Amino acid sequence: MQGNPIFMEKAIALATENVTSGRGGPFGAVIVRDGQVVATGVNLVAATNDPTAHAEVTAIRNASTALATFDLAGCEIYSSCEPCPMCLAAIYWSRCDAIFYGNTSTDAAAAGFDDAFLYEEVKLPLSQRRIPTINLLREQAISNFEAWRKYAGRIDY
């Protein structure tokens, strides 16, 4: 699988324009299906005060709305930069078929966007992570999954 440079060029242009317009960070993403752009996204973290508004997540949200589905199988994502751990997880959850990226995570770190610590955090046992992560009321919380298993109208994902 090779990808189409035209779509990567669009992701790169979106990222650059996002910076020069003053809207946000230097990240852009394009979601394509059957050779057609389905949706785009740019980094809107500062513009929206939403730490999850990375370009890839924004593009996934826009594509899901455009296609009226959470399942983006058959789509490819072109990102101006190698996806961070959050975006990578979102791409996997969306079921995109391929990821094409421009800048590497090393390039991002050199520009002040270093997410290497996140990769290290997820490898640690819960008790050793920077943010305390404590299991609480599991016996009660399990009722959520019991209700889900019984719910006739559920849509598995």
C-alpha atoms as a PDB file:
ATOM      1  CA  MET A   1       0.000   0.000   0.000  1.00  0.00           C
ATOM      2  CA  GLN A   2       1.543   3.281  -1.079  1.00  0.00           C
ATOM      3  CA  GLY A   3      -0.884   6.100  -0.462  1.00  0.00           C
ATOM      4  CA  ASN A   4      -1.585   9.102  -2.629  1.00  0.00           C
ATOM      5  CA  PRO A   5       0.788  12.086  -2.310  1.00  0.00           C
ATOM      6  CA  ILE A   6      -2.040  14.465  -3.271  1.00  0.00           C
ATOM      7  CA  PHE A   7      -3.904  13.665  -0.045  1.00  0.00           C
ATOM      8  CA  MET A   8      -0.741  14.008   2.032  1.00  0.00           C
ATOM      9  CA  GLU A   9      -0.079  17.370   0.403  1.00  0.00           C
ATOM     10  CA  LYS A  10      -3.599  18.427   1.431  1.00  0.00           C
ATOM     11  CA  ALA A  11      -2.979  17.343   5.041  1.00  0.00           C
ATOM     12  CA  ILE A  12       0.301  19.266   5.094  1.00  0.00           C
ATOM     13  CA  ALA A  13      -1.347  22.358   3.580  1.00  0.00           C
ATOM     14  CA  LEU A  14      -4.141  22.200   6.164  1.00  0.00           C
ATOM     15  CA  ALA A  15      -1.559  22.030   8.966  1.00  0.00           C
ATOM     16  CA  THR A  16       0.409  24.991   7.651  1.00  0.00           C
ATOM     17  CA  GLU A  17      -2.718  27.078   7.041  1.00  0.00           C
ATOM     18  CA  ASN A  18      -3.939  26.260  10.547  1.00  0.00           C
ATOM     19  CA  VAL A  19      -0.794  27.879  11.933  1.00  0.00           C
ATOM     20  CA  THR A  20      -0.640  30.864   9.584  1.00  0.00           C
ATOM     21  CA  SER A  21      -4.323  31.642  10.156  1.00  0.00           C
ATOM     22  CA  GLY A  22      -3.773  31.629  13.916  1.00  0.00           C
ATOM     23  CA  ARG A  23      -6.388  28.925  14.456  1.00  0.00           C
ATOM     24  CA  GLY A  24      -4.204  26.243  15.971  1.00  0.00           C
ATOM     25  CA  GLY A  25      -1.264  23.893  15.938  1.00  0.00           C
ATOM     26  CA  PRO A  26       0.670  22.540  12.957  1.00  0.00           C
ATOM     27  CA  PHE A  27      -1.392  19.434  12.366  1.00  0.00           C
ATOM     28  CA  GLY A  28      -3.819  18.488   9.599  1.00  0.00           C
ATOM     29  CA  ALA A  29      -5.572  15.294   8.579  1.00  0.00           C
ATOM     30  CA  VAL A  30      -7.574  14.066   5.598  1.00  0.00           C
ATOM     31  CA  ILE A  31      -9.828  11.018   5.482  1.00  0.00           C
ATOM     32  CA  VAL A  32     -10.297   9.413   2.077  1.00  0.00           C
ATOM     33  CA  ARG A  33     -12.569   6.650   0.805  1.00  0.00           C
ATOM     34  CA  ASP A  34     -12.493   5.297  -2.736  1.00  0.00           C
ATOM     35  CA  GLY A  35     -10.108   8.043  -3.811  1.00  0.00           C
ATOM     36  CA  GLN A  36     -12.390  10.853  -2.590  1.00  0.00           C
ATOM     37  CA  VAL A  37     -11.910  13.158   0.381  1.00  0.00           C
ATOM     38  CA  VAL A  38     -14.597  12.371   2.944  1.00  0.00           C
ATOM     39  CA  ALA A  39     -13.506  14.841   5.613  1.00  0.00           C
ATOM     40  CA  THR A  40     -10.628  16.912   6.905  1.00  0.00           C
ATOM     41  CA  GLY A  41      -9.533  18.087  10.305  1.00  0.00           C
ATOM     42  CA  VAL A  42      -7.018  20.407  11.893  1.00  0.00           C
ATOM     43  CA  ASN A  43      -5.702  20.811  15.397  1.00  0.00           C
ATOM     44  CA  LEU A  44      -8.228  22.889  17.353  1.00  0.00           C
ATOM     45  CA  VAL A  45      -6.991  22.242  20.890  1.00  0.00           C
ATOM     46  CA  ALA A  46      -6.328  25.885  21.812  1.00  0.00           C
ATOM     47  CA  ALA A  47      -9.129  27.290  19.648  1.00  0.00           C
ATOM     48  CA  THR A  48     -11.787  25.138  21.332  1.00  0.00           C
ATOM     49  CA  ASN A  49     -10.149  24.504  24.722  1.00  0.00           C
ATOM     50  CA  ASP A  50     -10.559  20.808  23.958  1.00  0.00           C
ATOM     51  CA  PRO A  51      -7.437  18.702  24.595  1.00  0.00           C
ATOM     52  CA  THR A  52      -8.870  15.932  22.399  1.00  0.00           C
ATOM     53  CA  ALA A  53      -9.315  18.185  19.339  1.00  0.00           C
ATOM     54  CA  HIS A  54      -6.231  16.891  17.538  1.00  0.00           C
ATOM     55  CA  ALA A  55      -6.363  16.930  13.740  1.00  0.00           C
ATOM     56  CA  GLU A  56      -6.915  13.190  13.400  1.00  0.00           C
ATOM     57  CA  VAL A  57      -9.711  13.137  15.991  1.00  0.00           C
ATOM     58  CA  THR A  58     -11.354  16.160  14.377  1.00  0.00           C
ATOM     59  CA  ALA A  59     -11.140  14.482  10.966  1.00  0.00           C
ATOM     60  CA  ILE A  60     -12.601  11.245  12.365  1.00  0.00           C
ATOM     61  CA  ARG A  61     -15.483  13.170  13.937  1.00  0.00           C
ATOM     62  CA  ASN A  62     -16.129  14.990  10.661  1.00  0.00           C
ATOM     63  CA  ALA A  63     -15.926  11.781   8.597  1.00  0.00           C
ATOM     64  CA  SER A  64     -18.233   9.921  10.962  1.00  0.00           C
ATOM     65  CA  THR A  65     -20.767  12.729  10.665  1.00  0.00           C
ATOM     66  CA  ALA A  66     -20.427  12.897   6.869  1.00  0.00           C
ATOM     67  CA  LEU A  67     -20.824   9.140   6.472  1.00  0.00           C
ATOM     68  CA  ALA A  68     -23.351   8.740   9.318  1.00  0.00           C
ATOM     69  CA  THR A  69     -21.355   5.887  10.862  1.00  0.00           C
ATOM     70  CA  PHE A  70     -18.690   5.287  13.477  1.00  0.00           C
ATOM     71  CA  ASP A  71     -17.169   2.561  11.302  1.00  0.00           C
ATOM     72  CA  LEU A  72     -14.678   4.074   8.860  1.00  0.00           C
ATOM     73  CA  ALA A  73     -13.598   0.749   7.358  1.00  0.00           C
ATOM     74  CA  GLY A  74     -12.682   1.353   3.752  1.00  0.00           C
ATOM     75  CA  CYS A  75     -11.178   4.731   4.613  1.00  0.00           C
ATOM     76  CA  GLU A  76      -7.578   5.850   4.832  1.00  0.00           C
ATOM     77  CA  ILE A  77      -6.275   8.696   6.966  1.00  0.00           C
ATOM     78  CA  TYR A  78      -3.517  11.036   5.874  1.00  0.00           C
ATOM     79  CA  SER A  79      -1.970  12.967   8.731  1.00  0.00           C
ATOM     80  CA  SER A  80       0.633  15.692   8.513  1.00  0.00           C
ATOM     81  CA  CYS A  81       2.375  14.013  11.468  1.00  0.00           C
ATOM     82  CA  GLU A  82       2.693  10.549  12.960  1.00  0.00           C
ATOM     83  CA  PRO A  83      -0.353  10.155  15.218  1.00  0.00           C
ATOM     84  CA  CYS A  84       0.084  10.533  18.967  1.00  0.00           C
ATOM     85  CA  PRO A  85      -1.120   7.664  21.193  1.00  0.00           C
ATOM     86  CA  MET A  86      -4.601   9.185  21.599  1.00  0.00           C
ATOM     87  CA  CYS A  87      -5.029   9.693  17.862  1.00  0.00           C
ATOM     88  CA  LEU A  88      -3.635   6.273  17.089  1.00  0.00           C
ATOM     89  CA  ALA A  89      -6.215   4.716  19.414  1.00  0.00           C
ATOM     90  CA  ALA A  90      -8.992   6.786  17.807  1.00  0.00           C
ATOM     91  CA  ILE A  91      -7.891   5.652  14.353  1.00  0.00           C
ATOM     92  CA  TYR A  92      -7.951   2.021  15.466  1.00  0.00           C
ATOM     93  CA  TRP A  93     -11.392   2.475  17.045  1.00  0.00           C
ATOM     94  CA  SER A  94     -12.650   4.076  13.818  1.00  0.00           C
ATOM     95  CA  ARG A  95     -11.376   1.074  11.833  1.00  0.00           C
ATOM     96  CA  CYS A  96      -9.596   3.061   9.129  1.00  0.00           C
ATOM     97  CA  ASP A  97      -7.744   0.734   6.771  1.00  0.00           C
ATOM     98  CA  ALA A  98      -4.442   2.637   6.625  1.00  0.00           C
ATOM     99  CA  ILE A  99      -2.510   5.510   8.155  1.00  0.00           C
ATOM    100  CA  PHE A 100      -0.196   7.679   6.075  1.00  0.00           C
ATOM    101  CA  TYR A 101       1.824  10.365   7.860  1.00  0.00           C
ATOM    102  CA  GLY A 102       4.307  13.098   7.014  1.00  0.00           C
ATOM    103  CA  ASN A 103       6.364  14.246  10.005  1.00  0.00           C
ATOM    104  CA  THR A 104       7.577  11.700  12.537  1.00  0.00           C
ATOM    105  CA  SER A 105       7.059  11.809  16.293  1.00  0.00           C
ATOM    106  CA  THR A 106      10.732  12.815  16.536  1.00  0.00           C
ATOM    107  CA  ASP A 107      10.042  15.790  14.259  1.00  0.00           C
ATOM    108  CA  ALA A 108       7.073  16.711  16.472  1.00  0.00           C
ATOM    109  CA  ALA A 109       9.197  16.489  19.616  1.00  0.00           C
ATOM    110  CA  ALA A 110      11.797  18.809  18.080  1.00  0.00           C
ATOM    111  CA  ALA A 111       8.987  21.335  17.476  1.00  0.00           C
ATOM    112  CA  GLY A 112       7.804  21.099  21.090  1.00  0.00           C
ATOM    113  CA  PHE A 113       5.156  18.373  20.739  1.00  0.00           C
ATOM    114  CA  ASP A 114       6.746  15.469  22.602  1.00  0.00           C
ATOM    115  CA  ASP A 115       4.414  12.604  23.437  1.00  0.00           C
ATOM    116  CA  ALA A 116       7.077   9.988  24.179  1.00  0.00           C
ATOM    117  CA  PHE A 117       6.142  10.031  27.875  1.00  0.00           C
ATOM    118  CA  LEU A 118       2.664   8.749  26.977  1.00  0.00           C
ATOM    119  CA  TYR A 119       4.090   5.651  25.332  1.00  0.00           C
ATOM    120  CA  GLU A 120       6.080   5.032  28.515  1.00  0.00           C
ATOM    121  CA  GLU A 121       3.085   5.661  30.794  1.00  0.00           C
ATOM    122  CA  VAL A 122       0.866   3.057  29.143  1.00  0.00           C
ATOM    123  CA  LYS A 123       3.555   0.414  29.657  1.00  0.00           C
ATOM    124  CA  LEU A 124       3.658   1.025  33.405  1.00  0.00           C
ATOM    125  CA  PRO A 125       1.521  -0.826  35.948  1.00  0.00           C
ATOM    126  CA  LEU A 126      -1.389   1.374  37.078  1.00  0.00           C
ATOM    127  CA  SER A 127       0.234   1.870  40.483  1.00  0.00           C
ATOM    128  CA  GLN A 128       3.330   3.450  38.893  1.00  0.00           C
ATOM    129  CA  ARG A 129       1.654   5.962  36.572  1.00  0.00           C
ATOM    130  CA  ARG A 130       1.995   9.723  37.104  1.00  0.00           C
ATOM    131  CA  ILE A 131      -1.751  10.168  37.535  1.00  0.00           C
ATOM    132  CA  PRO A 132      -3.153   8.010  40.341  1.00  0.00           C
ATOM    133  CA  THR A 133      -5.456   5.385  38.822  1.00  0.00           C
ATOM    134  CA  ILE A 134      -7.596   3.641  41.426  1.00  0.00           C
ATOM    135  CA  ASN A 135     -10.287   0.994  40.953  1.00  0.00           C
ATOM    136  CA  LEU A 136     -13.411   2.109  42.862  1.00  0.00           C
ATOM    137  CA  LEU A 137     -16.902   0.559  43.202  1.00  0.00           C
ATOM    138  CA  ARG A 138     -16.265  -2.176  40.665  1.00  0.00           C
ATOM    139  CA  GLU A 139     -19.038  -4.316  42.173  1.00  0.00           C
ATOM    140  CA  GLN A 140     -21.541  -1.551  41.401  1.00  0.00           C
ATOM    141  CA  ALA A 141     -20.039  -0.492  38.089  1.00  0.00           C
ATOM    142  CA  ILE A 142     -20.356  -3.982  36.625  1.00  0.00           C
ATOM    143  CA  SER A 143     -24.110  -3.358  36.403  1.00  0.00           C
ATOM    144  CA  ASN A 144     -23.356  -1.128  33.382  1.00  0.00           C
ATOM    145  CA  PHE A 145     -22.033  -4.101  31.447  1.00  0.00           C
ATOM    146  CA  GLU A 146     -24.815  -6.358  32.666  1.00  0.00           C
ATOM    147  CA  ALA A 147     -27.345  -3.854  31.305  1.00  0.00           C
ATOM    148  CA  TRP A 148     -25.417  -3.652  28.026  1.00  0.00           C
ATOM    149  CA  ARG A 149     -25.361  -7.409  27.562  1.00  0.00           C
ATOM    150  CA  LYS A 150     -29.152  -7.529  28.103  1.00  0.00           C
ATOM    151  CA  TYR A 151     -29.970  -4.507  25.922  1.00  0.00           C
ATOM    152  CA  ALA A 152     -31.689  -5.788  22.772  1.00  0.00           C
ATOM    153  CA  GLY A 153     -31.022  -2.614  20.786  1.00  0.00           C
ATOM    154  CA  ARG A 154     -27.291  -2.466  21.324  1.00  0.00           C
ATOM    155  CA  ILE A 155     -24.956  -1.834  18.456  1.00  0.00           C
ATOM    156  CA  ASP A 156     -21.726  -3.705  19.044  1.00  0.00           C
ATOM    157  CA  TYR A 157     -18.543  -1.889  18.200  1.00  0.00           C
END
